[in-house]
């Protein structure tokens, strides 16, 4: 994967950064960290300039996020509620009231979730889907995504620029960061399930 990214950036410059980050948003397994760190590395080598690299990455983030947002808009909240009453969610023990609470929380705090979520690995791409489901206003989603993505892209591009050929060191630290995020999500998920089934028993 790394060699493909290097070859693409060497051949197509800013367009490659845009296209790769776009794909990373639509297909999360593609590592944005590698793309941005390598982008910074190429800035240090003089192949790219700092601001255009960040702007290209941010544009790719926005277009990719908007596609996932659009997918979320195609999922009516009523279908989710119906699933809690008659579908697979009911089989797992979830109730309409609980799903409604989750949706209401996202509607209230969605701004923070989208803004901060853009800087959190794993979550950064997928956060666009619930934003679409709750029909967050497009202009607001646009602004929050641009700000969050710009910050994330700037930090990683700068780190790639400063570390140069040693950019892999940053990648190893980011891997630990991912593990922490996954662990926290797992703990939160288990805690919620325990609470959920205890409530059900009561």
N, C-alpha and C. Protein backbone atom coordinates (compact mmCIF):
# COMPACT_ATOMS: atom_id res chain seq x y z
N UNK A 1 0.82 -1.21 0.00
CA UNK A 1 0.00 0.00 0.00
C UNK A 1 0.86 1.27 0.00
N UNK A 2 1.92 1.25 0.82
CA UNK A 2 2.80 2.42 0.91
C UNK A 2 3.43 2.77 -0.43
N UNK A 3 3.90 1.75 -1.14
CA UNK A 3 4.56 1.99 -2.44
C UNK A 3 3.57 2.58 -3.45
N UNK A 4 2.31 2.14 -3.39
CA UNK A 4 1.29 2.67 -4.29
C UNK A 4 1.04 4.14 -4.00
N UNK A 5 0.97 4.49 -2.71
CA UNK A 5 0.74 5.87 -2.31
C UNK A 5 1.90 6.76 -2.75
N UNK A 6 3.12 6.28 -2.52
CA UNK A 6 4.32 7.03 -2.93
C UNK A 6 4.31 7.27 -4.42
N UNK A 7 4.06 6.22 -5.18
CA UNK A 7 4.04 6.32 -6.64
C UNK A 7 2.96 7.30 -7.12
N UNK A 8 1.79 7.24 -6.49
CA UNK A 8 0.68 8.12 -6.88
C UNK A 8 1.01 9.58 -6.62
N UNK A 9 1.57 9.87 -5.44
CA UNK A 9 1.90 11.26 -5.11
C UNK A 9 3.03 11.77 -5.99
N UNK A 10 4.02 10.93 -6.25
CA UNK A 10 5.12 11.33 -7.13
C UNK A 10 4.61 11.65 -8.53
N UNK A 11 3.65 10.90 -9.00
CA UNK A 11 3.16 11.06 -10.37
C UNK A 11 2.10 12.15 -10.52
N UNK A 12 1.20 12.25 -9.52
CA UNK A 12 0.04 13.14 -9.69
C UNK A 12 -0.07 14.24 -8.64
N UNK A 13 0.88 14.30 -7.71
CA UNK A 13 0.93 15.41 -6.77
C UNK A 13 -0.33 15.64 -5.97
N UNK A 14 -0.82 16.88 -6.02
CA UNK A 14 -1.98 17.27 -5.20
C UNK A 14 -3.23 16.48 -5.54
N UNK A 15 -3.41 16.17 -6.82
CA UNK A 15 -4.59 15.39 -7.20
C UNK A 15 -4.56 14.02 -6.53
N UNK A 16 -3.37 13.43 -6.42
CA UNK A 16 -3.23 12.13 -5.77
C UNK A 16 -3.61 12.24 -4.30
N UNK A 17 -3.16 13.32 -3.64
CA UNK A 17 -3.50 13.52 -2.23
C UNK A 17 -5.02 13.63 -2.08
N UNK A 18 -5.63 14.43 -2.95
CA UNK A 18 -7.09 14.58 -2.93
C UNK A 18 -7.79 13.24 -3.13
N UNK A 19 -7.40 12.52 -4.18
CA UNK A 19 -8.07 11.27 -4.54
C UNK A 19 -7.88 10.20 -3.47
N UNK A 20 -6.67 10.10 -2.92
CA UNK A 20 -6.39 9.08 -1.91
C UNK A 20 -7.16 9.34 -0.62
N UNK A 21 -7.21 10.61 -0.21
CA UNK A 21 -7.96 10.94 1.01
C UNK A 21 -9.46 10.75 0.78
N UNK A 22 -9.92 11.07 -0.41
CA UNK A 22 -11.32 10.82 -0.76
C UNK A 22 -11.65 9.34 -0.60
N UNK A 23 -10.80 8.49 -1.17
CA UNK A 23 -11.01 7.04 -1.09
C UNK A 23 -10.93 6.56 0.35
N UNK A 24 -10.02 7.16 1.12
CA UNK A 24 -9.86 6.76 2.53
C UNK A 24 -11.13 7.03 3.31
N UNK A 25 -11.82 8.12 2.97
CA UNK A 25 -13.06 8.45 3.67
C UNK A 25 -14.18 7.50 3.30
N UNK A 26 -14.22 7.09 2.05
CA UNK A 26 -15.28 6.19 1.59
C UNK A 26 -14.98 4.75 1.95
N UNK A 27 -13.69 4.39 1.93
CA UNK A 27 -13.24 3.04 2.29
C UNK A 27 -12.24 3.16 3.43
N UNK A 28 -12.73 3.28 4.69
CA UNK A 28 -11.88 3.52 5.86
C UNK A 28 -10.62 2.67 6.00
N UNK A 29 -10.58 1.41 5.50
CA UNK A 29 -9.35 0.63 5.67
C UNK A 29 -8.12 1.27 5.03
N UNK A 30 -8.32 2.15 4.03
CA UNK A 30 -7.18 2.85 3.44
C UNK A 30 -6.66 3.84 4.49
N UNK A 31 -5.37 3.80 4.85
CA UNK A 31 -4.85 4.59 5.97
C UNK A 31 -4.58 6.06 5.62
N UNK A 32 -5.38 6.96 6.18
CA UNK A 32 -5.16 8.39 5.95
C UNK A 32 -3.84 8.85 6.56
N UNK A 33 -3.46 8.20 7.68
CA UNK A 33 -2.22 8.59 8.35
C UNK A 33 -1.02 8.46 7.42
N UNK A 34 -0.96 7.35 6.70
CA UNK A 34 0.16 7.12 5.78
C UNK A 34 0.14 8.15 4.66
N UNK A 35 -1.03 8.42 4.11
CA UNK A 35 -1.16 9.39 3.02
C UNK A 35 -0.67 10.77 3.45
N UNK A 36 -1.13 11.22 4.61
CA UNK A 36 -0.81 12.56 5.08
C UNK A 36 0.65 12.68 5.52
N UNK A 37 1.15 11.67 6.20
CA UNK A 37 2.56 11.70 6.60
C UNK A 37 3.47 11.70 5.38
N UNK A 38 3.12 10.91 4.38
CA UNK A 38 3.91 10.91 3.14
C UNK A 38 3.76 12.24 2.41
N UNK A 39 2.56 12.83 2.48
CA UNK A 39 2.38 14.15 1.89
C UNK A 39 3.32 15.15 2.53
N UNK A 40 3.42 15.12 3.86
CA UNK A 40 4.36 15.99 4.57
C UNK A 40 5.80 15.70 4.20
N UNK A 41 6.11 14.43 4.03
CA UNK A 41 7.46 14.03 3.62
C UNK A 41 7.81 14.64 2.26
N UNK A 42 6.86 14.60 1.33
CA UNK A 42 7.09 15.18 0.00
C UNK A 42 7.16 16.70 0.06
N UNK A 43 6.48 17.30 1.03
CA UNK A 43 6.61 18.75 1.23
C UNK A 43 8.04 19.06 1.64
N UNK A 44 8.58 18.27 2.55
CA UNK A 44 9.95 18.46 2.99
C UNK A 44 10.96 18.28 1.87
N UNK A 45 10.65 17.41 0.94
CA UNK A 45 11.55 17.17 -0.20
C UNK A 45 11.42 18.23 -1.28
N UNK A 46 10.39 19.06 -1.18
CA UNK A 46 10.20 20.10 -2.17
C UNK A 46 9.30 19.72 -3.32
N UNK A 47 8.75 18.49 -3.29
CA UNK A 47 7.85 18.06 -4.37
C UNK A 47 6.48 18.72 -4.27
N UNK A 48 6.07 19.03 -3.04
CA UNK A 48 4.77 19.65 -2.80
C UNK A 48 4.96 20.86 -1.89
N UNK A 49 3.93 21.70 -1.85
CA UNK A 49 3.91 22.83 -0.91
C UNK A 49 2.92 22.53 0.21
N UNK A 50 3.19 23.11 1.36
CA UNK A 50 2.45 22.75 2.57
C UNK A 50 0.95 23.04 2.46
N UNK A 51 0.57 24.30 2.22
CA UNK A 51 -0.85 24.66 2.22
C UNK A 51 -1.65 23.95 1.13
N UNK A 52 -1.18 23.90 -0.13
CA UNK A 52 -1.95 23.17 -1.15
C UNK A 52 -2.14 21.69 -0.82
N UNK A 53 -1.16 21.10 -0.14
CA UNK A 53 -1.28 19.69 0.26
C UNK A 53 -2.41 19.52 1.26
N UNK A 54 -2.45 20.41 2.26
CA UNK A 54 -3.50 20.34 3.28
C UNK A 54 -4.87 20.61 2.66
N UNK A 55 -4.94 21.60 1.78
CA UNK A 55 -6.21 21.94 1.15
C UNK A 55 -6.71 20.80 0.26
N UNK A 56 -5.78 20.15 -0.44
CA UNK A 56 -6.16 19.01 -1.29
C UNK A 56 -6.71 17.87 -0.44
N UNK A 57 -6.03 17.61 0.69
CA UNK A 57 -6.48 16.55 1.59
C UNK A 57 -7.84 16.89 2.21
N UNK A 58 -8.02 18.16 2.58
CA UNK A 58 -9.28 18.58 3.18
C UNK A 58 -10.43 18.49 2.18
N UNK A 59 -10.16 18.85 0.93
CA UNK A 59 -11.18 18.72 -0.12
C UNK A 59 -11.57 17.25 -0.31
N UNK A 60 -10.57 16.37 -0.29
CA UNK A 60 -10.84 14.94 -0.41
C UNK A 60 -11.66 14.43 0.76
N UNK A 61 -11.33 14.93 1.96
CA UNK A 61 -12.08 14.54 3.17
C UNK A 61 -13.54 14.97 3.06
N UNK A 62 -13.74 16.20 2.58
CA UNK A 62 -15.10 16.74 2.48
C UNK A 62 -15.95 15.96 1.48
N UNK A 63 -15.40 15.70 0.30
CA UNK A 63 -16.16 14.97 -0.72
C UNK A 63 -16.49 13.55 -0.25
N UNK A 64 -15.50 12.90 0.37
CA UNK A 64 -15.73 11.54 0.87
C UNK A 64 -16.75 11.52 1.99
N UNK A 65 -16.64 12.49 2.90
CA UNK A 65 -17.58 12.57 4.02
C UNK A 65 -19.00 12.83 3.53
N UNK A 66 -19.11 13.65 2.48
CA UNK A 66 -20.44 13.99 1.97
C UNK A 66 -21.14 12.76 1.38
N UNK A 67 -20.37 11.86 0.78
CA UNK A 67 -20.97 10.63 0.24
C UNK A 67 -21.55 9.79 1.38
N UNK A 68 -20.78 9.63 2.46
CA UNK A 68 -21.28 8.86 3.61
C UNK A 68 -22.46 9.58 4.27
N UNK A 69 -22.40 10.89 4.30
CA UNK A 69 -23.53 11.68 4.82
C UNK A 69 -24.78 11.41 3.99
N UNK A 70 -24.60 11.38 2.67
CA UNK A 70 -25.72 11.10 1.76
C UNK A 70 -26.30 9.72 1.99
N UNK A 71 -25.43 8.75 2.26
CA UNK A 71 -25.90 7.39 2.56
C UNK A 71 -26.75 7.41 3.83
N UNK A 72 -26.28 8.17 4.82
CA UNK A 72 -27.05 8.30 6.06
C UNK A 72 -28.41 8.92 5.83
N UNK A 73 -28.48 9.90 4.92
CA UNK A 73 -29.76 10.56 4.62
C UNK A 73 -30.75 9.60 3.98
N UNK A 74 -30.23 8.55 3.34
CA UNK A 74 -31.10 7.57 2.69
C UNK A 74 -31.74 6.61 3.68
N UNK A 75 -31.28 6.68 4.94
CA UNK A 75 -31.81 5.78 5.97
C UNK A 75 -32.78 6.57 6.85
N UNK A 76 -34.08 6.47 6.62
CA UNK A 76 -35.05 7.20 7.44
C UNK A 76 -34.98 6.75 8.89
N UNK A 77 -35.03 7.70 9.80
CA UNK A 77 -34.98 7.33 11.22
C UNK A 77 -36.15 6.42 11.60
N UNK A 78 -37.27 6.57 10.90
CA UNK A 78 -38.44 5.73 11.20
C UNK A 78 -38.14 4.26 10.95
N UNK A 79 -37.29 3.99 9.94
CA UNK A 79 -36.91 2.60 9.66
C UNK A 79 -36.08 2.03 10.81
N UNK A 80 -35.25 2.88 11.39
CA UNK A 80 -34.44 2.45 12.53
C UNK A 80 -35.36 2.13 13.71
N UNK A 81 -36.34 3.00 13.93
CA UNK A 81 -37.28 2.77 15.02
C UNK A 81 -38.09 1.48 14.79
N UNK A 82 -38.51 1.28 13.54
CA UNK A 82 -39.27 0.07 13.20
C UNK A 82 -38.43 -1.18 13.45
N UNK A 83 -37.13 -1.07 13.16
CA UNK A 83 -36.23 -2.21 13.37
C UNK A 83 -36.14 -2.54 14.85
N UNK A 84 -36.26 -1.50 15.69
CA UNK A 84 -36.22 -1.73 17.14
C UNK A 84 -37.51 -2.37 17.63
N UNK A 85 -38.59 -2.23 16.85
CA UNK A 85 -39.87 -2.80 17.25
C UNK A 85 -40.13 -4.17 16.65
N UNK A 86 -39.62 -4.35 15.38
CA UNK A 86 -39.95 -5.61 14.69
C UNK A 86 -38.75 -6.29 14.04
N UNK A 87 -37.65 -5.58 13.89
CA UNK A 87 -36.52 -6.12 13.14
C UNK A 87 -35.40 -6.68 14.00
N UNK A 88 -34.17 -6.62 13.41
CA UNK A 88 -33.01 -7.26 14.06
C UNK A 88 -32.63 -6.59 15.37
N UNK A 89 -32.92 -5.28 15.50
CA UNK A 89 -32.59 -4.60 16.76
C UNK A 89 -33.43 -5.15 17.91
N UNK A 90 -34.69 -5.48 17.60
CA UNK A 90 -35.56 -6.05 18.63
C UNK A 90 -35.03 -7.40 19.08
N UNK A 91 -34.52 -8.19 18.12
CA UNK A 91 -33.98 -9.51 18.46
C UNK A 91 -32.79 -9.39 19.40
N UNK A 92 -32.06 -8.27 19.28
CA UNK A 92 -30.92 -8.05 20.16
C UNK A 92 -31.34 -7.44 21.50
N UNK A 93 -32.64 -7.14 21.61
CA UNK A 93 -33.15 -6.63 22.87
C UNK A 93 -33.28 -5.13 22.97
N UNK A 94 -33.01 -4.41 21.87
CA UNK A 94 -33.11 -2.96 21.90
C UNK A 94 -34.57 -2.52 21.74
N UNK A 95 -34.89 -1.41 22.38
CA UNK A 95 -36.25 -0.87 22.31
C UNK A 95 -36.26 0.45 21.55
N UNK A 96 -37.43 0.78 21.02
CA UNK A 96 -37.59 2.04 20.27
C UNK A 96 -37.16 3.24 21.12
N UNK A 97 -37.53 3.21 22.41
CA UNK A 97 -37.21 4.32 23.29
C UNK A 97 -35.70 4.52 23.41
N UNK A 98 -34.96 3.42 23.48
CA UNK A 98 -33.50 3.51 23.60
C UNK A 98 -32.88 4.08 22.33
N UNK A 99 -33.36 3.61 21.17
CA UNK A 99 -32.85 4.11 19.90
C UNK A 99 -33.19 5.59 19.76
N UNK A 100 -34.39 5.96 20.18
CA UNK A 100 -34.82 7.35 20.12
C UNK A 100 -33.90 8.23 20.98
N UNK A 101 -33.51 7.71 22.14
CA UNK A 101 -32.61 8.45 23.03
C UNK A 101 -31.26 8.69 22.36
N UNK A 102 -30.73 7.65 21.71
CA UNK A 102 -29.44 7.78 21.01
C UNK A 102 -29.53 8.84 19.91
N UNK A 103 -30.60 8.77 19.12
CA UNK A 103 -30.79 9.74 18.03
C UNK A 103 -30.91 11.15 18.58
N UNK A 104 -31.67 11.30 19.67
CA UNK A 104 -31.85 12.63 20.28
C UNK A 104 -30.53 13.19 20.80
N UNK A 105 -29.70 12.32 21.38
CA UNK A 105 -28.40 12.75 21.87
C UNK A 105 -27.52 13.24 20.72
N UNK A 106 -27.58 12.52 19.60
CA UNK A 106 -26.77 12.95 18.45
C UNK A 106 -27.30 14.26 17.89
N UNK A 107 -28.62 14.42 17.91
CA UNK A 107 -29.19 15.68 17.43
C UNK A 107 -28.76 16.85 18.30
N UNK A 108 -28.62 16.60 19.61
CA UNK A 108 -28.22 17.66 20.54
C UNK A 108 -26.72 17.94 20.49
N UNK A 109 -25.92 16.87 20.45
CA UNK A 109 -24.47 17.02 20.56
C UNK A 109 -23.73 16.66 19.27
N UNK A 110 -24.50 16.56 18.17
CA UNK A 110 -23.90 16.15 16.91
C UNK A 110 -22.79 17.05 16.43
N UNK A 111 -22.87 18.35 16.74
CA UNK A 111 -21.82 19.28 16.32
C UNK A 111 -20.47 18.87 16.89
N UNK A 112 -20.47 18.57 18.18
CA UNK A 112 -19.22 18.17 18.84
C UNK A 112 -18.76 16.83 18.30
N UNK A 113 -19.69 15.88 18.13
CA UNK A 113 -19.34 14.56 17.63
C UNK A 113 -18.67 14.64 16.26
N UNK A 114 -19.24 15.43 15.35
CA UNK A 114 -18.69 15.53 13.99
C UNK A 114 -17.35 16.25 14.02
N UNK A 115 -17.28 17.37 14.75
CA UNK A 115 -16.05 18.17 14.78
C UNK A 115 -14.88 17.38 15.36
N UNK A 116 -15.08 16.80 16.53
CA UNK A 116 -14.01 16.04 17.18
C UNK A 116 -13.80 14.70 16.49
N UNK A 117 -14.90 14.11 16.02
CA UNK A 117 -14.80 12.81 15.35
C UNK A 117 -13.90 12.83 14.13
N UNK A 118 -13.80 13.98 13.46
CA UNK A 118 -12.94 14.09 12.28
C UNK A 118 -11.46 13.95 12.64
N UNK A 119 -11.14 14.06 13.91
CA UNK A 119 -9.75 13.94 14.35
C UNK A 119 -9.48 12.62 15.08
N UNK A 120 -10.44 11.71 15.01
CA UNK A 120 -10.30 10.43 15.71
C UNK A 120 -10.26 9.29 14.70
N UNK A 121 -9.14 8.54 14.66
CA UNK A 121 -9.06 7.40 13.74
C UNK A 121 -10.22 6.44 13.96
N UNK A 122 -10.61 5.76 12.90
CA UNK A 122 -11.71 4.78 12.89
C UNK A 122 -13.06 5.51 12.83
N UNK A 123 -13.26 6.46 13.76
CA UNK A 123 -14.53 7.17 13.81
C UNK A 123 -14.63 8.23 12.73
N UNK A 124 -13.49 8.83 12.33
CA UNK A 124 -13.48 10.04 11.51
C UNK A 124 -14.27 9.91 10.21
N UNK A 125 -14.29 8.75 9.61
CA UNK A 125 -15.05 8.57 8.37
C UNK A 125 -16.51 8.24 8.68
N UNK A 126 -16.71 7.31 9.60
CA UNK A 126 -18.06 6.79 9.87
C UNK A 126 -18.99 7.79 10.54
N UNK A 127 -18.42 8.83 11.18
CA UNK A 127 -19.26 9.80 11.90
C UNK A 127 -20.21 10.53 10.96
N UNK A 128 -19.89 10.53 9.66
CA UNK A 128 -20.73 11.23 8.68
C UNK A 128 -22.09 10.53 8.51
N UNK A 129 -22.13 9.22 8.71
CA UNK A 129 -23.37 8.47 8.49
C UNK A 129 -24.46 8.87 9.49
N UNK A 130 -24.20 8.84 10.81
CA UNK A 130 -25.24 9.28 11.74
C UNK A 130 -25.62 10.75 11.55
N UNK A 131 -24.65 11.57 11.10
CA UNK A 131 -24.97 12.98 10.82
C UNK A 131 -26.01 13.06 9.72
N UNK A 132 -25.90 12.17 8.74
CA UNK A 132 -26.89 12.13 7.67
C UNK A 132 -28.22 11.57 8.14
N UNK A 133 -28.16 10.55 8.99
CA UNK A 133 -29.40 9.92 9.49
C UNK A 133 -30.26 10.93 10.25
N UNK A 134 -29.62 11.76 11.09
CA UNK A 134 -30.39 12.74 11.87
C UNK A 134 -30.64 14.02 11.06
N UNK A 135 -30.21 14.01 9.80
CA UNK A 135 -30.42 15.13 8.88
C UNK A 135 -29.84 16.43 9.40
N UNK A 136 -28.58 16.36 9.85
CA UNK A 136 -27.87 17.58 10.21
C UNK A 136 -27.85 18.51 8.99
N UNK A 137 -28.11 19.80 9.16
CA UNK A 137 -28.11 20.72 8.02
C UNK A 137 -26.81 20.64 7.22
N UNK A 138 -26.92 20.58 5.91
CA UNK A 138 -25.74 20.42 5.06
C UNK A 138 -24.70 21.51 5.29
N UNK A 139 -25.08 22.81 5.36
CA UNK A 139 -24.05 23.84 5.59
C UNK A 139 -23.29 23.63 6.90
N UNK A 140 -24.01 23.23 7.95
CA UNK A 140 -23.37 22.98 9.24
C UNK A 140 -22.43 21.79 9.14
N UNK A 141 -22.89 20.71 8.52
CA UNK A 141 -22.05 19.53 8.33
C UNK A 141 -20.81 19.89 7.52
N UNK A 142 -20.99 20.71 6.50
CA UNK A 142 -19.89 21.16 5.65
C UNK A 142 -18.83 21.89 6.48
N UNK A 143 -19.27 22.87 7.27
CA UNK A 143 -18.33 23.68 8.06
C UNK A 143 -17.60 22.83 9.09
N UNK A 144 -18.33 21.99 9.83
CA UNK A 144 -17.71 21.16 10.86
C UNK A 144 -16.72 20.17 10.26
N UNK A 145 -17.07 19.59 9.12
CA UNK A 145 -16.18 18.63 8.46
C UNK A 145 -14.92 19.31 7.95
N UNK A 146 -15.07 20.50 7.38
CA UNK A 146 -13.90 21.23 6.88
C UNK A 146 -12.96 21.59 8.02
N UNK A 147 -13.52 22.12 9.12
CA UNK A 147 -12.67 22.52 10.26
C UNK A 147 -11.95 21.31 10.86
N UNK A 148 -12.72 20.27 11.18
CA UNK A 148 -12.12 19.07 11.78
C UNK A 148 -11.10 18.42 10.88
N UNK A 149 -11.41 18.31 9.60
CA UNK A 149 -10.50 17.68 8.65
C UNK A 149 -9.25 18.52 8.45
N UNK A 150 -9.42 19.84 8.40
CA UNK A 150 -8.28 20.74 8.21
C UNK A 150 -7.29 20.60 9.36
N UNK A 151 -7.82 20.53 10.57
CA UNK A 151 -6.95 20.38 11.76
C UNK A 151 -6.19 19.05 11.70
N UNK A 152 -6.91 17.95 11.47
CA UNK A 152 -6.30 16.62 11.40
C UNK A 152 -5.26 16.55 10.28
N UNK A 153 -5.62 17.04 9.11
CA UNK A 153 -4.71 16.99 7.96
C UNK A 153 -3.47 17.85 8.19
N UNK A 154 -3.67 19.00 8.82
CA UNK A 154 -2.54 19.90 9.08
C UNK A 154 -1.54 19.28 10.04
N UNK A 155 -2.06 18.68 11.11
CA UNK A 155 -1.18 18.07 12.12
C UNK A 155 -0.35 16.95 11.51
N UNK A 156 -0.99 16.04 10.79
CA UNK A 156 -0.26 14.89 10.25
C UNK A 156 0.69 15.30 9.13
N UNK A 157 0.27 16.25 8.29
CA UNK A 157 1.15 16.71 7.22
C UNK A 157 2.38 17.39 7.82
N UNK A 158 2.16 18.18 8.86
CA UNK A 158 3.28 18.85 9.52
C UNK A 158 4.24 17.84 10.16
N UNK A 159 3.67 16.82 10.80
CA UNK A 159 4.52 15.79 11.42
C UNK A 159 5.33 15.04 10.36
N UNK A 160 4.71 14.77 9.22
CA UNK A 160 5.44 14.13 8.13
C UNK A 160 6.54 15.02 7.60
N UNK A 161 6.27 16.31 7.56
CA UNK A 161 7.27 17.29 7.10
C UNK A 161 8.45 17.35 8.06
N UNK A 162 8.17 17.39 9.36
CA UNK A 162 9.23 17.53 10.37
C UNK A 162 10.06 16.26 10.53
N UNK A 163 9.44 15.11 10.41
CA UNK A 163 10.18 13.86 10.63
C UNK A 163 10.87 13.35 9.37
N UNK A 164 10.40 13.79 8.20
CA UNK A 164 11.05 13.38 6.95
C UNK A 164 11.04 11.88 6.75
N UNK A 165 12.20 11.32 6.52
CA UNK A 165 12.29 9.88 6.26
C UNK A 165 11.95 9.04 7.48
N UNK A 166 11.90 9.67 8.64
CA UNK A 166 11.55 8.94 9.87
C UNK A 166 10.06 9.01 10.20
N UNK A 167 9.24 9.30 9.18
CA UNK A 167 7.80 9.45 9.41
C UNK A 167 7.16 8.19 9.97
N UNK A 168 7.81 7.04 9.76
CA UNK A 168 7.27 5.78 10.29
C UNK A 168 7.17 5.81 11.82
N UNK A 169 8.03 6.61 12.46
CA UNK A 169 7.99 6.71 13.92
C UNK A 169 6.64 7.25 14.37
N UNK A 170 6.18 8.29 13.67
CA UNK A 170 4.87 8.88 13.99
C UNK A 170 3.77 7.85 13.77
N UNK A 171 3.91 7.07 12.72
CA UNK A 171 2.91 6.06 12.40
C UNK A 171 2.78 5.04 13.53
N UNK A 172 3.91 4.68 14.13
CA UNK A 172 3.88 3.70 15.22
C UNK A 172 3.15 4.28 16.44
N UNK A 173 3.36 5.58 16.71
CA UNK A 173 2.64 6.23 17.81
C UNK A 173 1.14 6.29 17.52
N UNK A 174 0.81 6.57 16.27
CA UNK A 174 -0.60 6.63 15.88
C UNK A 174 -1.27 5.27 16.00
N UNK A 175 -0.51 4.21 15.79
CA UNK A 175 -1.05 2.86 15.96
C UNK A 175 -1.47 2.64 17.41
N UNK A 176 -0.63 3.12 18.36
CA UNK A 176 -0.98 3.02 19.77
C UNK A 176 -2.25 3.82 20.06
N UNK A 177 -2.34 4.99 19.44
CA UNK A 177 -3.51 5.85 19.58
C UNK A 177 -4.76 5.11 19.11
N UNK A 178 -4.65 4.40 17.99
CA UNK A 178 -5.77 3.62 17.46
C UNK A 178 -6.17 2.51 18.43
N UNK A 179 -5.16 1.83 18.99
CA UNK A 179 -5.46 0.75 19.93
C UNK A 179 -6.23 1.28 21.14
N UNK A 180 -5.84 2.47 21.61
CA UNK A 180 -6.52 3.08 22.75
C UNK A 180 -7.97 3.39 22.39
N UNK A 181 -8.17 3.95 21.18
CA UNK A 181 -9.53 4.28 20.73
C UNK A 181 -10.38 3.01 20.65
N UNK A 182 -9.82 1.96 20.05
CA UNK A 182 -10.55 0.70 19.92
C UNK A 182 -10.89 0.14 21.30
N UNK A 183 -9.92 0.20 22.22
CA UNK A 183 -10.15 -0.32 23.57
C UNK A 183 -11.26 0.47 24.28
N UNK A 184 -11.22 1.79 24.14
CA UNK A 184 -12.24 2.63 24.77
C UNK A 184 -13.63 2.35 24.19
N UNK A 185 -13.68 2.18 22.86
CA UNK A 185 -14.95 1.87 22.22
C UNK A 185 -15.48 0.51 22.68
N UNK A 186 -14.56 -0.45 22.82
CA UNK A 186 -14.95 -1.78 23.27
C UNK A 186 -15.49 -1.74 24.70
N UNK A 187 -14.78 -1.02 25.56
CA UNK A 187 -15.22 -0.89 26.96
C UNK A 187 -16.58 -0.21 27.03
N UNK A 188 -16.73 0.87 26.25
CA UNK A 188 -18.00 1.59 26.23
C UNK A 188 -19.13 0.70 25.72
N UNK A 189 -18.83 -0.10 24.69
CA UNK A 189 -19.83 -1.00 24.13
C UNK A 189 -20.25 -2.07 25.13
N UNK A 190 -19.28 -2.66 25.80
CA UNK A 190 -19.57 -3.70 26.80
C UNK A 190 -20.36 -3.10 27.97
N UNK A 191 -19.93 -1.92 28.41
CA UNK A 191 -20.62 -1.26 29.53
C UNK A 191 -22.07 -0.97 29.17
N UNK A 192 -22.28 -0.52 27.92
CA UNK A 192 -23.65 -0.22 27.49
C UNK A 192 -24.49 -1.49 27.44
N UNK A 193 -23.92 -2.57 26.91
CA UNK A 193 -24.67 -3.83 26.82
C UNK A 193 -25.04 -4.36 28.20
N UNK A 194 -24.09 -4.26 29.14
CA UNK A 194 -24.37 -4.71 30.51
C UNK A 194 -25.51 -3.90 31.10
N UNK A 195 -25.42 -2.56 30.93
CA UNK A 195 -26.48 -1.69 31.44
C UNK A 195 -27.82 -2.01 30.76
N UNK A 196 -27.76 -2.23 29.45
CA UNK A 196 -28.97 -2.49 28.67
C UNK A 196 -29.68 -3.76 29.16
N UNK A 197 -28.93 -4.83 29.34
CA UNK A 197 -29.56 -6.09 29.74
C UNK A 197 -30.00 -6.07 31.21
N UNK A 198 -29.30 -5.30 32.04
CA UNK A 198 -29.75 -5.15 33.42
C UNK A 198 -31.08 -4.40 33.47
N UNK A 199 -31.19 -3.37 32.62
CA UNK A 199 -32.44 -2.62 32.55
C UNK A 199 -33.57 -3.51 32.07
N UNK A 200 -33.23 -4.38 31.11
CA UNK A 200 -34.23 -5.29 30.55
C UNK A 200 -34.73 -6.27 31.61
N UNK A 201 -33.80 -6.76 32.45
CA UNK A 201 -34.17 -7.71 33.50
C UNK A 201 -35.08 -7.06 34.54
N UNK A 202 -34.81 -5.77 34.80
CA UNK A 202 -35.61 -5.06 35.79
C UNK A 202 -37.01 -4.76 35.26
